[in-house]
N, C-alpha and C. Protein backbone atom coordinates (compact mmCIF):
# COMPACT_ATOMS: atom_id res chain seq x y z
N MET A 1 -13.35 -18.47 35.94
CA MET A 1 -13.77 -17.76 37.31
C MET A 1 -14.55 -16.54 37.45
N GLU A 2 -15.70 -16.65 37.85
CA GLU A 2 -16.48 -15.46 37.91
C GLU A 2 -16.50 -14.83 39.24
N PHE A 3 -16.57 -13.55 39.34
CA PHE A 3 -16.59 -12.75 40.41
C PHE A 3 -17.93 -12.08 40.51
N TYR A 4 -18.45 -11.87 41.89
CA TYR A 4 -19.91 -11.14 42.06
C TYR A 4 -19.17 -9.72 42.43
N ILE A 5 -19.77 -8.92 41.44
CA ILE A 5 -19.34 -7.34 41.67
C ILE A 5 -20.49 -6.62 42.36
N LYS A 6 -20.61 -6.17 43.16
CA LYS A 6 -21.83 -5.09 43.68
C LYS A 6 -22.04 -4.04 42.70
N PRO A 7 -23.35 -3.66 42.31
CA PRO A 7 -23.71 -2.73 41.31
C PRO A 7 -23.00 -1.38 41.55
N PHE A 8 -22.91 -1.08 42.92
CA PHE A 8 -22.49 0.17 43.24
C PHE A 8 -20.78 0.39 43.08
N LEU A 9 -20.08 -0.74 43.04
CA LEU A 9 -18.68 -0.86 42.87
C LEU A 9 -18.26 -0.92 41.34
N LEU A 10 -19.00 -1.18 40.30
CA LEU A 10 -18.80 -1.43 39.08
C LEU A 10 -18.39 -0.04 38.52
N PRO A 11 -18.99 1.14 38.74
CA PRO A 11 -18.22 2.42 38.00
C PRO A 11 -17.12 2.65 38.68
N ARG A 12 -16.94 2.44 40.08
CA ARG A 12 -15.49 2.74 40.63
C ARG A 12 -14.38 1.76 40.11
N ILE A 13 -14.79 0.51 39.74
CA ILE A 13 -13.80 -0.41 39.02
C ILE A 13 -13.57 -0.09 37.66
N ILE A 14 -14.28 0.47 36.93
CA ILE A 14 -14.26 0.91 35.70
C ILE A 14 -13.28 2.10 35.72
N GLY A 15 -13.76 3.05 36.57
CA GLY A 15 -12.70 4.20 36.51
C GLY A 15 -11.32 3.82 36.85
N PHE A 16 -11.05 3.12 37.96
CA PHE A 16 -9.78 2.74 38.44
C PHE A 16 -9.04 1.96 37.37
N ILE A 17 -9.69 1.20 36.40
CA ILE A 17 -9.05 0.44 35.50
C ILE A 17 -8.54 1.41 34.32
N ILE A 18 -9.48 2.16 34.08
CA ILE A 18 -9.31 3.06 32.87
C ILE A 18 -8.18 4.22 33.43
N THR A 19 -8.14 4.53 34.71
CA THR A 19 -7.17 5.47 35.15
C THR A 19 -5.68 4.84 35.09
N ILE A 20 -5.64 3.43 35.52
CA ILE A 20 -4.26 2.81 35.28
C ILE A 20 -3.86 2.58 33.89
N LEU A 21 -5.00 2.46 33.05
CA LEU A 21 -4.46 2.33 31.81
C LEU A 21 -3.97 3.70 31.03
N LEU A 22 -4.73 4.53 31.23
CA LEU A 22 -4.25 5.97 30.84
C LEU A 22 -2.86 6.53 31.36
N VAL A 23 -2.94 6.03 32.65
CA VAL A 23 -1.39 6.48 33.35
C VAL A 23 -0.45 5.81 32.58
N ILE A 24 -0.34 4.37 32.15
CA ILE A 24 0.41 3.62 31.54
C ILE A 24 0.72 4.23 30.12
N ARG A 25 -0.49 4.66 29.40
CA ARG A 25 -0.34 5.18 28.09
C ARG A 25 0.36 6.71 28.23
N SER A 26 0.19 7.37 29.08
CA SER A 26 0.88 8.81 29.55
C SER A 26 2.43 8.34 29.41
N ILE A 27 2.74 7.62 30.40
CA ILE A 27 4.17 7.26 30.50
C ILE A 27 4.81 6.53 29.00
N SER A 28 4.11 5.69 28.68
CA SER A 28 4.75 5.25 27.43
C SER A 28 4.76 6.11 26.45
N PHE A 29 4.05 7.09 26.24
CA PHE A 29 4.07 8.23 24.99
C PHE A 29 5.41 8.97 25.63
N LYS A 30 5.46 9.38 26.88
CA LYS A 30 6.62 10.27 27.48
C LYS A 30 7.89 9.47 26.85
N PHE A 31 7.94 8.01 27.28
CA PHE A 31 9.24 7.60 26.95
C PHE A 31 9.41 7.45 25.58
N LEU A 32 8.45 7.19 24.67
CA LEU A 32 8.70 7.14 23.14
C LEU A 32 9.03 8.31 22.50
N HIS A 33 8.45 9.48 23.23
CA HIS A 33 8.78 10.88 22.58
C HIS A 33 10.25 10.99 23.13
N LEU A 34 10.84 10.88 24.16
CA LEU A 34 12.13 11.12 24.50
C LEU A 34 13.02 10.03 23.64
N TRP A 35 12.65 9.05 23.44
CA TRP A 35 13.42 8.03 22.71
C TRP A 35 13.67 8.39 21.27
N SER A 36 12.36 9.03 20.53
CA SER A 36 12.49 9.33 19.22
C SER A 36 13.47 10.47 19.02
N LYS A 37 13.54 11.41 20.11
CA LYS A 37 14.34 12.55 20.05
C LYS A 37 15.78 12.25 19.84
N LYS A 38 16.13 11.14 20.47
CA LYS A 38 17.51 10.84 20.64
C LYS A 38 18.00 9.78 19.47
N THR A 39 16.95 9.40 18.63
CA THR A 39 17.32 8.54 17.40
C THR A 39 16.81 9.32 16.29
N GLU A 40 17.21 8.59 15.15
CA GLU A 40 17.15 9.26 13.66
C GLU A 40 15.95 8.67 13.25
N THR A 41 15.08 8.07 13.89
CA THR A 41 13.70 7.15 13.47
C THR A 41 12.85 8.26 13.04
N LYS A 42 11.84 7.65 12.34
CA LYS A 42 10.61 8.48 12.08
C LYS A 42 9.54 8.16 12.78
N LEU A 43 9.64 8.02 14.11
CA LEU A 43 8.93 7.54 15.07
C LEU A 43 7.79 8.65 15.47
N ASP A 44 8.14 9.70 15.16
CA ASP A 44 7.22 10.81 15.70
C ASP A 44 5.93 10.77 14.91
N ASN A 45 5.81 10.13 13.34
CA ASN A 45 4.79 10.26 12.99
C ASN A 45 3.60 9.20 13.56
N ILE A 46 4.35 8.13 14.00
CA ILE A 46 3.36 7.01 14.62
C ILE A 46 3.05 7.43 15.96
N ILE A 47 3.68 8.23 16.54
CA ILE A 47 3.35 8.91 17.95
C ILE A 47 2.37 9.79 17.92
N LYS A 48 2.46 10.65 16.81
CA LYS A 48 1.35 11.73 16.61
C LYS A 48 0.03 11.16 16.17
N SER A 49 0.23 10.08 15.26
CA SER A 49 -1.02 9.22 14.87
C SER A 49 -1.72 8.64 15.79
N THR A 50 -1.05 8.22 16.80
CA THR A 50 -1.80 7.34 17.61
C THR A 50 -2.19 7.80 18.98
N LYS A 51 -1.79 9.10 19.28
CA LYS A 51 -1.68 9.88 20.57
C LYS A 51 -3.35 9.83 21.03
N THR A 52 -4.09 10.49 20.00
CA THR A 52 -5.32 10.75 20.56
C THR A 52 -6.33 9.51 20.63
N PRO A 53 -6.17 8.56 19.50
CA PRO A 53 -7.07 7.34 19.55
C PRO A 53 -6.65 6.31 20.69
N SER A 54 -5.37 6.46 21.18
CA SER A 54 -5.07 5.59 22.13
C SER A 54 -5.74 5.77 23.48
N ILE A 55 -6.35 7.08 23.90
CA ILE A 55 -7.06 7.32 24.80
C ILE A 55 -8.40 6.50 24.80
N TYR A 56 -8.91 6.35 23.50
CA TYR A 56 -10.23 5.63 23.25
C TYR A 56 -9.91 4.21 23.31
N TRP A 57 -8.72 3.87 23.02
CA TRP A 57 -8.31 2.33 23.03
C TRP A 57 -8.18 1.89 24.78
N CYS A 58 -7.83 2.79 25.50
CA CYS A 58 -7.56 2.41 26.74
C CYS A 58 -9.04 2.47 27.34
N ILE A 59 -9.90 3.37 27.11
CA ILE A 59 -11.16 3.13 27.64
C ILE A 59 -12.17 2.03 27.20
N ALA A 60 -11.96 1.68 25.94
CA ALA A 60 -12.44 0.58 25.51
C ALA A 60 -11.91 -0.85 26.12
N ILE A 61 -10.58 -0.69 26.52
CA ILE A 61 -10.23 -2.06 26.86
C ILE A 61 -10.52 -2.13 28.37
N GLY A 62 -10.53 -0.83 28.95
CA GLY A 62 -11.08 -0.87 30.44
C GLY A 62 -12.39 -1.53 30.62
N PHE A 63 -13.29 -1.04 29.60
CA PHE A 63 -14.74 -1.68 29.61
C PHE A 63 -14.55 -3.31 29.19
N TYR A 64 -13.74 -3.42 28.54
CA TYR A 64 -13.77 -5.00 27.97
C TYR A 64 -13.18 -5.76 29.33
N ILE A 65 -12.28 -5.40 30.03
CA ILE A 65 -11.77 -6.06 31.21
C ILE A 65 -13.03 -6.27 32.23
N VAL A 66 -13.61 -5.04 32.39
CA VAL A 66 -14.77 -4.95 33.34
C VAL A 66 -16.00 -6.02 32.86
N ILE A 67 -16.37 -6.11 31.73
CA ILE A 67 -17.26 -6.92 31.26
C ILE A 67 -16.90 -8.33 31.65
N ALA A 68 -15.54 -8.68 31.36
CA ALA A 68 -14.89 -9.94 31.40
C ALA A 68 -15.05 -10.50 32.87
N ILE A 69 -14.82 -9.39 34.01
CA ILE A 69 -14.90 -9.97 35.15
C ILE A 69 -16.34 -9.70 36.07
N SER A 70 -17.21 -9.01 35.36
CA SER A 70 -18.62 -8.82 35.89
C SER A 70 -19.52 -10.12 35.70
N ASP A 71 -20.63 -9.97 36.19
CA ASP A 71 -21.62 -11.02 36.25
C ASP A 71 -22.80 -10.50 35.14
N ILE A 72 -22.40 -9.67 34.36
CA ILE A 72 -23.43 -9.41 33.18
C ILE A 72 -23.54 -10.70 32.39
N THR A 73 -25.03 -10.93 31.97
CA THR A 73 -25.47 -11.79 31.06
C THR A 73 -24.79 -12.08 29.86
N GLU A 74 -24.76 -13.18 29.12
CA GLU A 74 -23.92 -13.27 28.15
C GLU A 74 -24.60 -12.65 26.85
N LYS A 75 -25.74 -12.44 26.79
CA LYS A 75 -26.42 -11.85 25.94
C LYS A 75 -25.91 -10.34 25.82
N TYR A 76 -26.12 -9.70 26.99
CA TYR A 76 -25.48 -8.29 26.98
C TYR A 76 -23.96 -8.00 27.04
N ALA A 77 -23.13 -9.15 27.55
CA ALA A 77 -21.86 -9.16 27.24
C ALA A 77 -21.47 -9.31 25.77
N ASN A 78 -21.97 -10.04 25.00
CA ASN A 78 -21.79 -10.17 23.58
C ASN A 78 -21.96 -8.83 22.97
N LEU A 79 -23.13 -8.21 23.26
CA LEU A 79 -23.48 -6.87 22.68
C LEU A 79 -22.63 -5.83 22.90
N LEU A 80 -21.89 -5.78 24.17
CA LEU A 80 -21.05 -4.75 24.73
C LEU A 80 -19.83 -5.09 24.17
N ASN A 81 -19.54 -6.43 23.90
CA ASN A 81 -18.01 -6.68 23.34
C ASN A 81 -18.09 -6.10 21.73
N LYS A 82 -19.49 -6.43 20.99
CA LYS A 82 -19.37 -6.05 19.84
C LYS A 82 -19.47 -4.48 19.49
N ILE A 83 -19.91 -3.63 20.46
CA ILE A 83 -19.70 -2.31 20.57
C ILE A 83 -18.17 -1.81 20.74
N ILE A 84 -17.63 -2.34 21.62
CA ILE A 84 -16.36 -2.16 22.04
C ILE A 84 -15.19 -2.36 20.95
N ASN A 85 -15.53 -3.71 20.19
CA ASN A 85 -14.94 -4.15 18.94
C ASN A 85 -14.93 -2.79 17.84
N VAL A 86 -16.23 -2.53 17.61
CA VAL A 86 -16.45 -1.47 16.68
C VAL A 86 -15.71 -0.23 17.07
N ILE A 87 -15.64 0.30 18.29
CA ILE A 87 -14.97 1.39 18.64
C ILE A 87 -13.53 1.26 18.66
N ILE A 88 -12.93 0.13 18.99
CA ILE A 88 -11.45 -0.04 18.84
C ILE A 88 -11.05 -0.03 17.05
N VAL A 89 -11.75 -0.71 16.48
CA VAL A 89 -11.76 -0.69 15.05
C VAL A 89 -11.68 0.71 14.28
N PHE A 90 -12.87 1.41 14.92
CA PHE A 90 -12.93 2.78 14.27
C PHE A 90 -11.49 3.83 14.68
N PHE A 91 -11.07 3.52 15.85
CA PHE A 91 -10.20 4.47 16.25
C PHE A 91 -8.85 3.77 15.62
N ILE A 92 -8.77 2.57 15.43
CA ILE A 92 -7.36 2.13 14.63
C ILE A 92 -7.34 2.43 13.33
N THR A 93 -8.81 2.60 12.71
CA THR A 93 -8.66 3.08 11.24
C THR A 93 -8.26 4.69 11.15
N ILE A 94 -8.94 5.40 11.98
CA ILE A 94 -8.55 6.68 12.13
C ILE A 94 -6.96 7.07 12.29
N ALA A 95 -6.41 6.16 13.11
CA ALA A 95 -5.10 6.34 13.38
C ALA A 95 -4.12 6.08 12.25
N THR A 96 -4.48 4.75 11.71
CA THR A 96 -3.94 4.50 10.56
C THR A 96 -3.89 5.24 9.14
N ALA A 97 -5.23 5.95 9.14
CA ALA A 97 -5.55 6.87 7.82
C ALA A 97 -4.49 8.27 8.23
N ASN A 98 -4.46 8.55 9.54
CA ASN A 98 -3.60 9.55 9.84
C ASN A 98 -2.07 9.29 9.67
N LEU A 99 -1.59 8.26 10.02
CA LEU A 99 -0.32 7.58 9.72
C LEU A 99 0.06 7.57 8.31
N VAL A 100 -0.95 7.02 7.52
CA VAL A 100 -0.84 7.00 5.95
C VAL A 100 -0.54 8.40 5.33
N GLY A 101 -1.43 9.18 5.92
CA GLY A 101 -1.49 10.66 5.48
C GLY A 101 0.04 11.33 5.70
N LYS A 102 0.60 11.07 6.95
CA LYS A 102 1.70 11.81 7.22
C LYS A 102 2.91 11.09 6.54
N ILE A 103 2.82 9.75 6.34
CA ILE A 103 3.80 9.10 5.78
C ILE A 103 4.13 9.66 4.20
N TYR A 104 2.93 9.78 3.49
CA TYR A 104 2.96 10.28 2.18
C TYR A 104 3.23 11.64 2.25
N LYS A 105 2.94 12.67 2.86
CA LYS A 105 3.48 13.94 2.95
C LYS A 105 4.84 13.92 3.14
N ASN A 106 5.44 13.03 3.99
CA ASN A 106 6.88 12.95 4.28
C ASN A 106 7.58 12.42 2.91
N TYR A 107 7.02 11.70 2.29
CA TYR A 107 7.56 11.01 1.01
C TYR A 107 7.67 12.03 0.21
N ILE A 108 6.64 12.88 -0.19
CA ILE A 108 6.47 13.79 -0.99
C ILE A 108 7.56 14.91 -0.86
N VAL A 109 7.81 15.35 0.55
CA VAL A 109 8.87 16.30 0.91
C VAL A 109 10.15 15.82 0.34
N GLU A 110 10.55 14.58 0.95
CA GLU A 110 11.79 14.12 0.62
C GLU A 110 12.12 13.80 -0.75
N SER A 111 11.17 13.45 -1.46
CA SER A 111 11.41 13.07 -2.94
C SER A 111 11.52 14.08 -3.66
N LYS A 112 10.91 15.64 -3.11
CA LYS A 112 10.95 16.73 -3.98
C LYS A 112 10.27 16.71 -5.28
N LEU A 113 9.17 16.15 -5.12
CA LEU A 113 8.11 16.07 -6.33
C LEU A 113 7.46 17.24 -6.15
N PRO A 114 7.13 17.84 -7.24
CA PRO A 114 6.20 19.20 -7.27
C PRO A 114 4.85 18.94 -7.06
N LEU A 115 4.56 18.18 -6.00
CA LEU A 115 3.03 17.91 -5.60
C LEU A 115 2.85 18.52 -4.36
N LEU A 116 1.85 19.14 -4.14
CA LEU A 116 1.24 19.53 -2.79
C LEU A 116 1.01 18.50 -1.83
N GLY A 117 0.98 18.60 -0.52
CA GLY A 117 0.85 17.83 0.50
C GLY A 117 -0.78 17.61 0.71
N THR A 118 -1.77 18.28 0.15
CA THR A 118 -3.10 18.22 0.25
C THR A 118 -3.53 18.20 -1.07
N ASP A 119 -3.16 17.12 -1.88
CA ASP A 119 -3.88 17.11 -2.96
C ASP A 119 -4.55 15.81 -3.14
N LEU A 120 -4.74 15.32 -4.55
CA LEU A 120 -5.85 14.20 -4.54
C LEU A 120 -5.21 12.96 -3.96
N PHE A 121 -4.04 12.65 -4.31
CA PHE A 121 -3.63 11.26 -3.72
C PHE A 121 -3.66 11.12 -2.03
N TYR A 122 -3.46 12.34 -1.45
CA TYR A 122 -3.72 12.23 -0.02
C TYR A 122 -5.04 12.15 0.50
N SER A 123 -6.00 12.59 -0.30
CA SER A 123 -7.49 12.40 0.08
C SER A 123 -7.82 10.78 -0.47
N ILE A 124 -7.24 10.47 -1.55
CA ILE A 124 -7.53 9.18 -1.72
C ILE A 124 -6.91 7.96 -0.94
N LEU A 125 -5.76 8.11 -0.54
CA LEU A 125 -5.16 7.32 0.46
C LEU A 125 -5.85 7.21 1.90
N LYS A 126 -6.21 8.29 2.38
CA LYS A 126 -6.93 8.56 3.50
C LYS A 126 -8.51 7.87 3.45
N GLY A 127 -8.91 8.27 2.29
CA GLY A 127 -10.50 7.60 1.97
C GLY A 127 -10.39 6.30 1.89
N THR A 128 -9.53 5.63 1.24
CA THR A 128 -9.44 4.01 0.97
C THR A 128 -9.20 3.35 2.38
N VAL A 129 -8.21 4.03 3.34
CA VAL A 129 -8.05 3.49 4.45
C VAL A 129 -9.31 3.30 5.54
N ILE A 130 -10.04 4.59 5.45
CA ILE A 130 -11.23 4.65 6.08
C ILE A 130 -12.29 3.81 5.42
N LEU A 131 -12.35 3.59 4.28
CA LEU A 131 -13.44 2.82 3.70
C LEU A 131 -12.98 1.48 4.04
N ILE A 132 -11.71 0.85 4.04
CA ILE A 132 -11.47 -0.34 4.48
C ILE A 132 -11.87 -0.52 6.03
N GLY A 133 -11.73 0.40 6.74
CA GLY A 133 -12.23 0.42 8.14
C GLY A 133 -13.67 0.00 8.35
N LEU A 134 -14.41 0.75 7.63
CA LEU A 134 -15.75 0.87 7.65
C LEU A 134 -16.27 -0.51 7.18
N VAL A 135 -15.60 -1.30 6.17
CA VAL A 135 -16.02 -2.48 5.76
C VAL A 135 -15.74 -3.49 6.88
N ILE A 136 -14.64 -3.44 7.52
CA ILE A 136 -14.37 -4.27 8.66
C ILE A 136 -15.34 -4.03 9.86
N ILE A 137 -15.74 -2.78 10.09
CA ILE A 137 -16.83 -2.61 11.14
C ILE A 137 -18.15 -3.23 10.72
N LEU A 138 -18.54 -3.19 9.47
CA LEU A 138 -19.74 -3.73 9.23
C LEU A 138 -19.54 -5.14 9.26
N SER A 139 -18.46 -5.90 9.00
CA SER A 139 -18.38 -7.38 9.18
C SER A 139 -18.55 -7.75 10.56
N PHE A 140 -17.95 -6.97 11.68
CA PHE A 140 -18.12 -7.24 12.83
C PHE A 140 -19.46 -7.02 13.32
N LEU A 141 -20.47 -6.19 12.69
CA LEU A 141 -21.86 -5.76 13.07
C LEU A 141 -22.62 -7.01 12.40
N GLY A 142 -22.15 -7.96 11.51
CA GLY A 142 -22.81 -9.06 10.96
C GLY A 142 -23.42 -8.53 9.73
N ILE A 143 -23.07 -7.44 9.25
CA ILE A 143 -23.62 -7.02 7.90
C ILE A 143 -22.98 -7.58 6.83
N SER A 144 -23.54 -8.31 5.69
CA SER A 144 -22.97 -8.68 4.69
C SER A 144 -22.28 -7.73 3.78
N ILE A 145 -21.09 -7.87 3.46
CA ILE A 145 -20.28 -6.81 2.91
C ILE A 145 -20.18 -7.13 1.43
N ALA A 146 -20.48 -8.35 0.99
CA ALA A 146 -20.47 -8.86 -0.52
C ALA A 146 -21.26 -8.06 -1.35
N PRO A 147 -22.49 -7.57 -1.22
CA PRO A 147 -23.30 -6.65 -1.98
C PRO A 147 -22.61 -5.17 -2.10
N ILE A 148 -22.19 -4.85 -1.11
CA ILE A 148 -21.54 -3.46 -0.85
C ILE A 148 -20.38 -3.41 -1.90
N ILE A 149 -19.59 -4.46 -1.52
CA ILE A 149 -18.36 -4.51 -2.58
C ILE A 149 -18.64 -4.77 -4.08
N THR A 150 -19.59 -5.27 -4.39
CA THR A 150 -19.94 -5.43 -5.67
C THR A 150 -20.49 -4.35 -6.20
N ALA A 151 -21.38 -3.67 -5.47
CA ALA A 151 -21.87 -2.34 -5.86
C ALA A 151 -20.66 -1.25 -6.11
N LEU A 152 -19.89 -1.20 -5.20
CA LEU A 152 -18.69 -0.37 -5.36
C LEU A 152 -17.72 -0.76 -6.68
N GLY A 153 -17.65 -1.86 -6.89
CA GLY A 153 -16.96 -2.38 -8.12
C GLY A 153 -17.60 -1.88 -9.46
N VAL A 154 -18.89 -2.29 -9.52
CA VAL A 154 -19.68 -2.01 -10.57
C VAL A 154 -19.67 -0.08 -10.66
N GLY A 155 -19.87 0.54 -9.49
CA GLY A 155 -19.85 1.74 -9.59
C GLY A 155 -18.47 2.38 -9.82
N GLY A 156 -17.46 1.86 -9.50
CA GLY A 156 -15.92 2.18 -9.91
C GLY A 156 -15.87 2.07 -11.46
N LEU A 157 -16.29 0.76 -11.98
CA LEU A 157 -16.32 0.71 -13.48
C LEU A 157 -17.10 1.92 -14.13
N ALA A 158 -18.19 1.86 -13.74
CA ALA A 158 -18.99 3.13 -14.59
C ALA A 158 -18.42 4.47 -14.29
N VAL A 159 -17.44 4.73 -13.32
CA VAL A 159 -16.98 6.24 -13.08
C VAL A 159 -15.73 6.03 -14.11
N ALA A 160 -15.03 4.86 -14.11
CA ALA A 160 -13.79 4.92 -14.92
C ALA A 160 -14.12 5.02 -16.42
N LEU A 161 -15.23 4.34 -16.74
CA LEU A 161 -15.54 4.48 -18.26
C LEU A 161 -16.08 5.84 -18.46
N ALA A 162 -16.71 6.38 -17.57
CA ALA A 162 -17.16 7.80 -17.87
C ALA A 162 -16.20 8.83 -17.67
N LEU A 163 -15.22 8.60 -16.96
CA LEU A 163 -14.03 9.70 -16.79
C LEU A 163 -12.78 9.21 -17.48
N LYS A 164 -12.92 8.38 -18.35
CA LYS A 164 -11.77 7.89 -19.27
C LYS A 164 -10.70 8.66 -19.72
N ASP A 165 -11.15 9.87 -20.39
CA ASP A 165 -10.25 10.91 -20.92
C ASP A 165 -9.54 11.79 -19.68
N THR A 166 -10.08 11.99 -18.76
CA THR A 166 -9.72 12.68 -17.50
C THR A 166 -8.77 11.66 -16.91
N LEU A 167 -9.20 10.50 -16.73
CA LEU A 167 -8.05 9.88 -15.79
C LEU A 167 -7.04 9.48 -16.77
N ALA A 168 -6.90 9.34 -18.00
CA ALA A 168 -5.58 9.31 -18.96
C ALA A 168 -4.80 10.63 -18.67
N ASN A 169 -5.34 11.81 -18.59
CA ASN A 169 -4.98 12.90 -18.56
C ASN A 169 -4.05 12.92 -17.11
N LEU A 170 -4.82 12.57 -16.16
CA LEU A 170 -4.33 12.62 -14.73
C LEU A 170 -3.14 11.75 -14.61
N PHE A 171 -3.13 10.45 -15.12
CA PHE A 171 -2.32 9.54 -14.93
C PHE A 171 -1.11 9.86 -15.95
N THR A 172 -1.15 10.41 -17.05
CA THR A 172 -0.13 11.04 -17.64
C THR A 172 0.64 12.19 -17.18
N GLY A 173 -0.01 13.09 -16.31
CA GLY A 173 0.45 14.18 -15.46
C GLY A 173 1.38 13.47 -14.29
N ILE A 174 0.87 12.47 -13.84
CA ILE A 174 1.59 11.74 -12.73
C ILE A 174 2.76 11.27 -13.27
N HIS A 175 2.76 10.51 -14.43
CA HIS A 175 4.07 9.89 -15.01
C HIS A 175 4.98 11.13 -15.23
N ILE A 176 4.45 12.14 -15.61
CA ILE A 176 5.60 13.35 -15.85
C ILE A 176 6.11 13.75 -14.56
N LEU A 177 5.44 13.78 -13.85
CA LEU A 177 6.04 14.38 -12.47
C LEU A 177 6.81 13.50 -11.82
N VAL A 178 6.64 12.12 -11.87
CA VAL A 178 7.41 11.16 -11.04
C VAL A 178 8.43 10.99 -12.13
N GLU A 179 8.83 10.91 -13.21
CA GLU A 179 10.05 10.75 -14.12
C GLU A 179 10.81 11.84 -14.10
N LYS A 180 10.16 13.12 -13.89
CA LYS A 180 10.93 14.29 -13.61
C LYS A 180 11.53 14.69 -14.93
N SER A 181 11.09 14.53 -16.04
CA SER A 181 11.34 15.00 -17.37
C SER A 181 11.28 16.45 -17.60
N ILE A 182 10.13 16.82 -17.10
CA ILE A 182 9.74 18.23 -17.13
C ILE A 182 9.50 18.93 -15.50
N ARG A 183 10.23 19.76 -15.36
CA ARG A 183 10.42 20.30 -14.01
C ARG A 183 9.64 21.81 -13.92
N VAL A 184 9.11 22.34 -12.77
CA VAL A 184 8.79 23.65 -12.71
C VAL A 184 9.75 24.68 -12.98
N GLY A 185 9.49 25.78 -14.11
CA GLY A 185 10.49 26.63 -14.46
C GLY A 185 11.12 26.31 -15.92
N ASP A 186 10.75 24.78 -16.39
CA ASP A 186 11.25 24.77 -17.68
C ASP A 186 10.63 25.37 -18.70
N PHE A 187 10.95 25.47 -20.02
CA PHE A 187 10.23 26.20 -21.26
C PHE A 187 9.93 25.03 -22.02
N ILE A 188 8.85 24.85 -22.55
CA ILE A 188 8.22 23.94 -23.63
C ILE A 188 8.25 24.61 -24.92
N LYS A 189 8.78 24.14 -25.91
CA LYS A 189 8.50 24.74 -27.39
C LYS A 189 7.65 23.75 -28.13
N LEU A 190 6.48 24.39 -28.27
CA LEU A 190 5.50 23.57 -29.19
C LEU A 190 5.59 23.66 -30.53
N GLU A 191 5.00 22.96 -31.49
CA GLU A 191 5.23 22.94 -32.95
C GLU A 191 4.48 24.19 -33.64
N THR A 192 3.43 24.57 -32.93
CA THR A 192 2.84 25.84 -33.38
C THR A 192 3.36 27.03 -32.91
């Protein structure tokens, strides 16, 4: 079913749909925030991680609905849908990276490991999630990701071979911290 929308009504329809979506978003977040205060769940991390990106999701969904009901040609509709999909995936990636980072920080605090919240693993986790999101975006745009993944694999192997001793020391240190055989404040007696 196609509708004919006059060109001067299109911005008003977009604004109306986006406003409705933002109001629904606002009410949902207030309800979720009140509910998370009453329960023992860790829902606050999800709420904080998705609060800002959800604004862009609402805007993208509003444009998607308008494209679906308008009389835009199929060529431009496909192009706009690709752009909207890229925007949605980008902000889902940002929200997921923030959520993974917050879960990691909470885990470090609860397990009482002597690691800082802003250390190497925090950056690696967020970087990995963002890299996966960028690969998904490239596949949405029709760019072949096989050569990129191959280059990253070869580059990763080269870096691993070049930093073999450093990585061995890093993983040994992680093993000692996780095993908790040595803690901060312990004295170590060396043979010398």
